Amino acid sequence: MIKNSFLKLLSFFIVIAIVVNLLVAFRIIAFEGRGFGIFAIINIIIVYFYFRFKNKEIEK
């Protein structure tokens, strides 16, 4: 139950990250300085945890 809600939360953040990345790619919004790099690192960490927990769920 907890893992399922955790996966839903992570998938929500992944969708938000994809939307923000597309907005940056099309120059609709802009990150100044290190902001986008930090955001990208956080995205990678979120995607890592999402697939890690999703794979554990599939194995069971």
PDB file of N, CA and C in Angstrom:
ATOM      1  N   MET A   1       0.827  -1.191   0.000  1.00  0.00           N
ATOM      2  CA  MET A   1       0.000   0.000   0.000  1.00  0.00           C
ATOM      3  C   MET A   1       0.873   1.258   0.000  1.00  0.00           C
ATOM      4  N   ILE A   2       1.876   1.242   0.866  1.00  0.00           N
ATOM      5  CA  ILE A   2       2.767   2.406   0.943  1.00  0.00           C
ATOM      6  C   ILE A   2       3.569   2.532  -0.351  1.00  0.00           C
ATOM      7  N   LYS A   3       4.045   1.397  -0.866  1.00  0.00           N
ATOM      8  CA  LYS A   3       4.826   1.445  -2.102  1.00  0.00           C
ATOM      9  C   LYS A   3       3.976   1.936  -3.265  1.00  0.00           C
ATOM     10  N   ASN A   4       2.712   1.520  -3.291  1.00  0.00           N
ATOM     11  CA  ASN A   4       1.835   1.940  -4.373  1.00  0.00           C
ATOM     12  C   ASN A   4       1.625   3.453  -4.352  1.00  0.00           C
ATOM     13  N   SER A   5       1.387   4.020  -3.181  1.00  0.00           N
ATOM     14  CA  SER A   5       1.212   5.472  -3.093  1.00  0.00           C
ATOM     15  C   SER A   5       2.528   6.200  -3.374  1.00  0.00           C
ATOM     16  N   PHE A   6       3.643   5.584  -2.970  1.00  0.00           N
ATOM     17  CA  PHE A   6       4.952   6.170  -3.246  1.00  0.00           C
ATOM     18  C   PHE A   6       5.209   6.208  -4.752  1.00  0.00           C
ATOM     19  N   LEU A   7       4.837   5.134  -5.448  1.00  0.00           N
ATOM     20  CA  LEU A   7       5.005   5.104  -6.903  1.00  0.00           C
ATOM     21  C   LEU A   7       4.117   6.133  -7.580  1.00  0.00           C
ATOM     22  N   LYS A   8       2.912   6.321  -7.072  1.00  0.00           N
ATOM     23  CA  LYS A   8       2.029   7.344  -7.635  1.00  0.00           C
ATOM     24  C   LYS A   8       2.623   8.732  -7.441  1.00  0.00           C
ATOM     25  N   LEU A   9       3.206   8.977  -6.275  1.00  0.00           N
ATOM     26  CA  LEU A   9       3.838  10.265  -6.007  1.00  0.00           C
ATOM     27  C   LEU A   9       5.036  10.481  -6.929  1.00  0.00           C
ATOM     28  N   LEU A  10       5.865   9.447  -7.080  1.00  0.00           N
ATOM     29  CA  LEU A  10       7.021   9.566  -7.967  1.00  0.00           C
ATOM     30  C   LEU A  10       6.593   9.769  -9.416  1.00  0.00           C
ATOM     31  N   SER A  11       5.548   9.073  -9.842  1.00  0.00           N
ATOM     32  CA  SER A  11       5.095   9.250 -11.223  1.00  0.00           C
ATOM     33  C   SER A  11       4.554  10.658 -11.440  1.00  0.00           C
ATOM     34  N   PHE A  12       3.927  11.241 -10.420  1.00  0.00           N
ATOM     35  CA  PHE A  12       3.470  12.627 -10.511  1.00  0.00           C
ATOM     36  C   PHE A  12       4.654  13.569 -10.709  1.00  0.00           C
ATOM     37  N   PHE A  13       5.725  13.373  -9.934  1.00  0.00           N
ATOM     38  CA  PHE A  13       6.908  14.219 -10.072  1.00  0.00           C
ATOM     39  C   PHE A  13       7.585  14.019 -11.427  1.00  0.00           C
ATOM     40  N   ILE A  14       7.542  12.801 -11.956  1.00  0.00           N
ATOM     41  CA  ILE A  14       8.130  12.548 -13.270  1.00  0.00           C
ATOM     42  C   ILE A  14       7.369  13.309 -14.347  1.00  0.00           C
ATOM     43  N   VAL A  15       6.044  13.318 -14.251  1.00  0.00           N
ATOM     44  CA  VAL A  15       5.236  14.068 -15.221  1.00  0.00           C
ATOM     45  C   VAL A  15       5.542  15.560 -15.130  1.00  0.00           C
ATOM     46  N   ILE A  16       5.634  16.081 -13.909  1.00  0.00           N
ATOM     47  CA  ILE A  16       5.978  17.495 -13.722  1.00  0.00           C
ATOM     48  C   ILE A  16       7.360  17.785 -14.314  1.00  0.00           C
ATOM     49  N   ALA A  17       8.308  16.888 -14.088  1.00  0.00           N
ATOM     50  CA  ALA A  17       9.660  17.083 -14.612  1.00  0.00           C
ATOM     51  C   ALA A  17       9.669  17.087 -16.136  1.00  0.00           C
ATOM     52  N   ILE A  18       8.904  16.197 -16.746  1.00  0.00           N
ATOM     53  CA  ILE A  18       8.835  16.165 -18.211  1.00  0.00           C
ATOM     54  C   ILE A  18       8.241  17.460 -18.753  1.00  0.00           C
ATOM     55  N   VAL A  19       7.184  17.926 -18.115  1.00  0.00           N
ATOM     56  CA  VAL A  19       6.558  19.177 -18.557  1.00  0.00           C
ATOM     57  C   VAL A  19       7.535  20.343 -18.441  1.00  0.00           C
ATOM     58  N   VAL A  20       8.231  20.435 -17.314  1.00  0.00           N
ATOM     59  CA  VAL A  20       9.188  21.533 -17.126  1.00  0.00           C
ATOM     60  C   VAL A  20      10.325  21.433 -18.137  1.00  0.00           C
ATOM     61  N   ASN A  21      10.810  20.221 -18.381  1.00  0.00           N
ATOM     62  CA  ASN A  21      11.882  20.052 -19.368  1.00  0.00           C
ATOM     63  C   ASN A  21      11.434  20.468 -20.761  1.00  0.00           C
ATOM     64  N   LEU A  22      10.196  20.153 -21.130  1.00  0.00           N
ATOM     65  CA  LEU A  22       9.687  20.584 -22.435  1.00  0.00           C
ATOM     66  C   LEU A  22       9.540  22.097 -22.501  1.00  0.00           C
ATOM     67  N   LEU A  23       9.088  22.705 -21.415  1.00  0.00           N
ATOM     68  CA  LEU A  23       8.968  24.162 -21.395  1.00  0.00           C
ATOM     69  C   LEU A  23      10.331  24.833 -21.545  1.00  0.00           C
ATOM     70  N   VAL A  24      11.344  24.257 -20.911  1.00  0.00           N
ATOM     71  CA  VAL A  24      12.698  24.803 -21.039  1.00  0.00           C
ATOM     72  C   VAL A  24      13.224  24.577 -22.460  1.00  0.00           C
ATOM     73  N   ALA A  25      12.940  23.410 -23.026  1.00  0.00           N
ATOM     74  CA  ALA A  25      13.428  23.102 -24.373  1.00  0.00           C
ATOM     75  C   ALA A  25      12.851  24.059 -25.409  1.00  0.00           C
ATOM     76  N   PHE A  26      11.606  24.450 -25.235  1.00  0.00           N
ATOM     77  CA  PHE A  26      10.985  25.365 -26.186  1.00  0.00           C
ATOM     78  C   PHE A  26      11.113  26.827 -25.765  1.00  0.00           C
ATOM     79  N   ARG A  27      11.967  27.079 -24.784  1.00  0.00           N
ATOM     80  CA  ARG A  27      12.288  28.447 -24.333  1.00  0.00           C
ATOM     81  C   ARG A  27      11.074  29.214 -23.808  1.00  0.00           C
ATOM     82  N   ILE A  28      10.101  28.499 -23.267  1.00  0.00           N
ATOM     83  CA  ILE A  28       8.941  29.161 -22.674  1.00  0.00           C
ATOM     84  C   ILE A  28       9.286  29.652 -21.274  1.00  0.00           C
ATOM     85  N   ILE A  29      10.073  28.836 -20.547  1.00  0.00           N
ATOM     86  CA  ILE A  29      10.606  29.286 -19.258  1.00  0.00           C
ATOM     87  C   ILE A  29      12.115  29.122 -19.308  1.00  0.00           C
ATOM     88  N   ALA A  30      12.802  29.794 -18.421  1.00  0.00           N
ATOM     89  CA  ALA A  30      14.264  29.717 -18.405  1.00  0.00           C
ATOM     90  C   ALA A  30      14.758  29.540 -16.974  1.00  0.00           C
ATOM     91  N   PHE A  31      15.770  28.711 -16.835  1.00  0.00           N
ATOM     92  CA  PHE A  31      16.456  28.568 -15.565  1.00  0.00           C
ATOM     93  C   PHE A  31      17.728  29.396 -15.638  1.00  0.00           C
ATOM     94  N   GLU A  32      18.026  30.088 -14.597  1.00  0.00           N
ATOM     95  CA  GLU A  32      19.239  30.899 -14.554  1.00  0.00           C
ATOM     96  C   GLU A  32      20.326  30.151 -13.786  1.00  0.00           C
ATOM     97  N   GLY A  33      21.516  30.163 -14.319  1.00  0.00           N
ATOM     98  CA  GLY A  33      22.665  29.607 -13.623  1.00  0.00           C
ATOM     99  C   GLY A  33      22.581  28.108 -13.408  1.00  0.00           C
ATOM    100  N   ARG A  34      22.783  27.695 -12.157  1.00  0.00           N
ATOM    101  CA  ARG A  34      22.841  26.281 -11.831  1.00  0.00           C
ATOM    102  C   ARG A  34      21.469  25.656 -11.611  1.00  0.00           C
ATOM    103  N   GLY A  35      20.431  26.430 -11.678  1.00  0.00           N
ATOM    104  CA  GLY A  35      19.091  25.927 -11.373  1.00  0.00           C
ATOM    105  C   GLY A  35      18.682  24.729 -12.201  1.00  0.00           C
ATOM    106  N   PHE A  36      18.939  24.773 -13.505  1.00  0.00           N
ATOM    107  CA  PHE A  36      18.515  23.672 -14.361  1.00  0.00           C
ATOM    108  C   PHE A  36      19.359  22.433 -14.120  1.00  0.00           C
ATOM    109  N   GLY A  37      20.636  22.600 -13.835  1.00  0.00           N
ATOM    110  CA  GLY A  37      21.490  21.449 -13.539  1.00  0.00           C
ATOM    111  C   GLY A  37      21.047  20.718 -12.289  1.00  0.00           C
ATOM    112  N   ILE A  38      20.719  21.479 -11.258  1.00  0.00           N
ATOM    113  CA  ILE A  38      20.227  20.876 -10.019  1.00  0.00           C
ATOM    114  C   ILE A  38      18.891  20.194 -10.273  1.00  0.00           C
ATOM    115  N   PHE A  39      18.024  20.834 -11.041  1.00  0.00           N
ATOM    116  CA  PHE A  39      16.733  20.249 -11.387  1.00  0.00           C
ATOM    117  C   PHE A  39      16.914  18.942 -12.159  1.00  0.00           C
ATOM    118  N   ALA A  40      17.872  18.902 -13.076  1.00  0.00           N
ATOM    119  CA  ALA A  40      18.123  17.694 -13.859  1.00  0.00           C
ATOM    120  C   ALA A  40      18.634  16.558 -12.979  1.00  0.00           C
ATOM    121  N   ILE A  41      19.502  16.866 -12.032  1.00  0.00           N
ATOM    122  CA  ILE A  41      20.012  15.843 -11.117  1.00  0.00           C
ATOM    123  C   ILE A  41      18.882  15.280 -10.266  1.00  0.00           C
ATOM    124  N   ILE A  42      18.007  16.145  -9.776  1.00  0.00           N
ATOM    125  CA  ILE A  42      16.863  15.684  -8.990  1.00  0.00           C
ATOM    126  C   ILE A  42      15.953  14.812  -9.852  1.00  0.00           C
ATOM    127  N   ASN A  43      15.759  15.173 -11.113  1.00  0.00           N
ATOM    128  CA  ASN A  43      14.954  14.349 -12.029  1.00  0.00           C
ATOM    129  C   ASN A  43      15.545  12.954 -12.182  1.00  0.00           C
ATOM    130  N   ILE A  44      16.846  12.876 -12.347  1.00  0.00           N
ATOM    131  CA  ILE A  44      17.508  11.580 -12.509  1.00  0.00           C
ATOM    132  C   ILE A  44      17.319  10.727 -11.266  1.00  0.00           C
ATOM    133  N   ILE A  45      17.448  11.327 -10.091  1.00  0.00           N
ATOM    134  CA  ILE A  45      17.261  10.591  -8.840  1.00  0.00           C
ATOM    135  C   ILE A  45      15.821  10.093  -8.717  1.00  0.00           C
ATOM    136  N   ILE A  46      14.852  10.934  -9.053  1.00  0.00           N
ATOM    137  CA  ILE A  46      13.444  10.531  -8.974  1.00  0.00           C
ATOM    138  C   ILE A  46      13.155   9.376  -9.932  1.00  0.00           C
ATOM    139  N   VAL A  47      13.647   9.462 -11.157  1.00  0.00           N
ATOM    140  CA  VAL A  47      13.422   8.390 -12.129  1.00  0.00           C
ATOM    141  C   VAL A  47      14.097   7.104 -11.671  1.00  0.00           C
ATOM    142  N   TYR A  48      15.292   7.200 -11.083  1.00  0.00           N
ATOM    143  CA  TYR A  48      15.985   6.024 -10.559  1.00  0.00           C
ATOM    144  C   TYR A  48      15.140   5.319  -9.507  1.00  0.00           C
ATOM    145  N   PHE A  49      14.626   6.063  -8.533  1.00  0.00           N
ATOM    146  CA  PHE A  49      13.821   5.449  -7.482  1.00  0.00           C
ATOM    147  C   PHE A  49      12.515   4.887  -8.034  1.00  0.00           C
ATOM    148  N   TYR A  50      11.928   5.573  -9.002  1.00  0.00           N
ATOM    149  CA  TYR A  50      10.678   5.083  -9.591  1.00  0.00           C
ATOM    150  C   TYR A  50      10.886   3.708 -10.219  1.00  0.00           C
ATOM    151  N   PHE A  51      11.903   3.580 -11.065  1.00  0.00           N
ATOM    152  CA  PHE A  51      12.120   2.303 -11.734  1.00  0.00           C
ATOM    153  C   PHE A  51      12.636   1.244 -10.778  1.00  0.00           C
ATOM    154  N   ARG A  52      13.364   1.629  -9.760  1.00  0.00           N
ATOM    155  CA  ARG A  52      13.827   0.667  -8.765  1.00  0.00           C
ATOM    156  C   ARG A  52      12.644   0.035  -8.041  1.00  0.00           C
ATOM    157  N   PHE A  53      11.706   0.855  -7.576  1.00  0.00           N
ATOM    158  CA  PHE A  53      10.551   0.319  -6.871  1.00  0.00           C
ATOM    159  C   PHE A  53       9.579  -0.368  -7.827  1.00  0.00           C
ATOM    160  N   LYS A  54       9.474   0.108  -9.044  1.00  0.00           N
ATOM    161  CA  LYS A  54       8.587  -0.520 -10.027  1.00  0.00           C
ATOM    162  C   LYS A  54       9.094  -1.910 -10.380  1.00  0.00           C
ATOM    163  N   ASN A  55      10.401  -2.081 -10.520  1.00  0.00           N
ATOM    164  CA  ASN A  55      10.969  -3.391 -10.824  1.00  0.00           C
ATOM    165  C   ASN A  55      10.774  -4.356  -9.667  1.00  0.00           C
ATOM    166  N   LYS A  56      10.887  -3.878  -8.435  1.00  0.00           N
ATOM    167  CA  LYS A  56      10.639  -4.745  -7.282  1.00  0.00           C
ATOM    168  C   LYS A  56       9.184  -5.188  -7.248  1.00  0.00           C
ATOM    169  N   GLU A  57       8.284  -4.301  -7.650  1.00  0.00           N
ATOM    170  CA  GLU A  57       6.864  -4.638  -7.676  1.00  0.00           C
ATOM    171  C   GLU A  57       6.578  -5.678  -8.755  1.00  0.00           C
ATOM    172  N   ILE A  58       7.244  -5.587  -9.883  1.00  0.00           N
ATOM    173  CA  ILE A  58       7.033  -6.534 -10.978  1.00  0.00           C
ATOM    174  C   ILE A  58       7.582  -7.909 -10.617  1.00  0.00           C
ATOM    175  N   GLU A  59       8.718  -7.965  -9.909  1.00  0.00           N
ATOM    176  CA  GLU A  59       9.339  -9.235  -9.550  1.00  0.00           C
ATOM    177  C   GLU A  59       8.480 -10.052  -8.598  1.00  0.00           C
ATOM    178  N   LYS A  60       7.647  -9.400  -7.811  1.00  0.00           N
ATOM    179  CA  LYS A  60       6.828 -10.137  -6.832  1.00  0.00           C
ATOM    180  C   LYS A  60       5.671 -10.829  -7.444  1.00  0.00           C
TER     181      LYS A  60
END
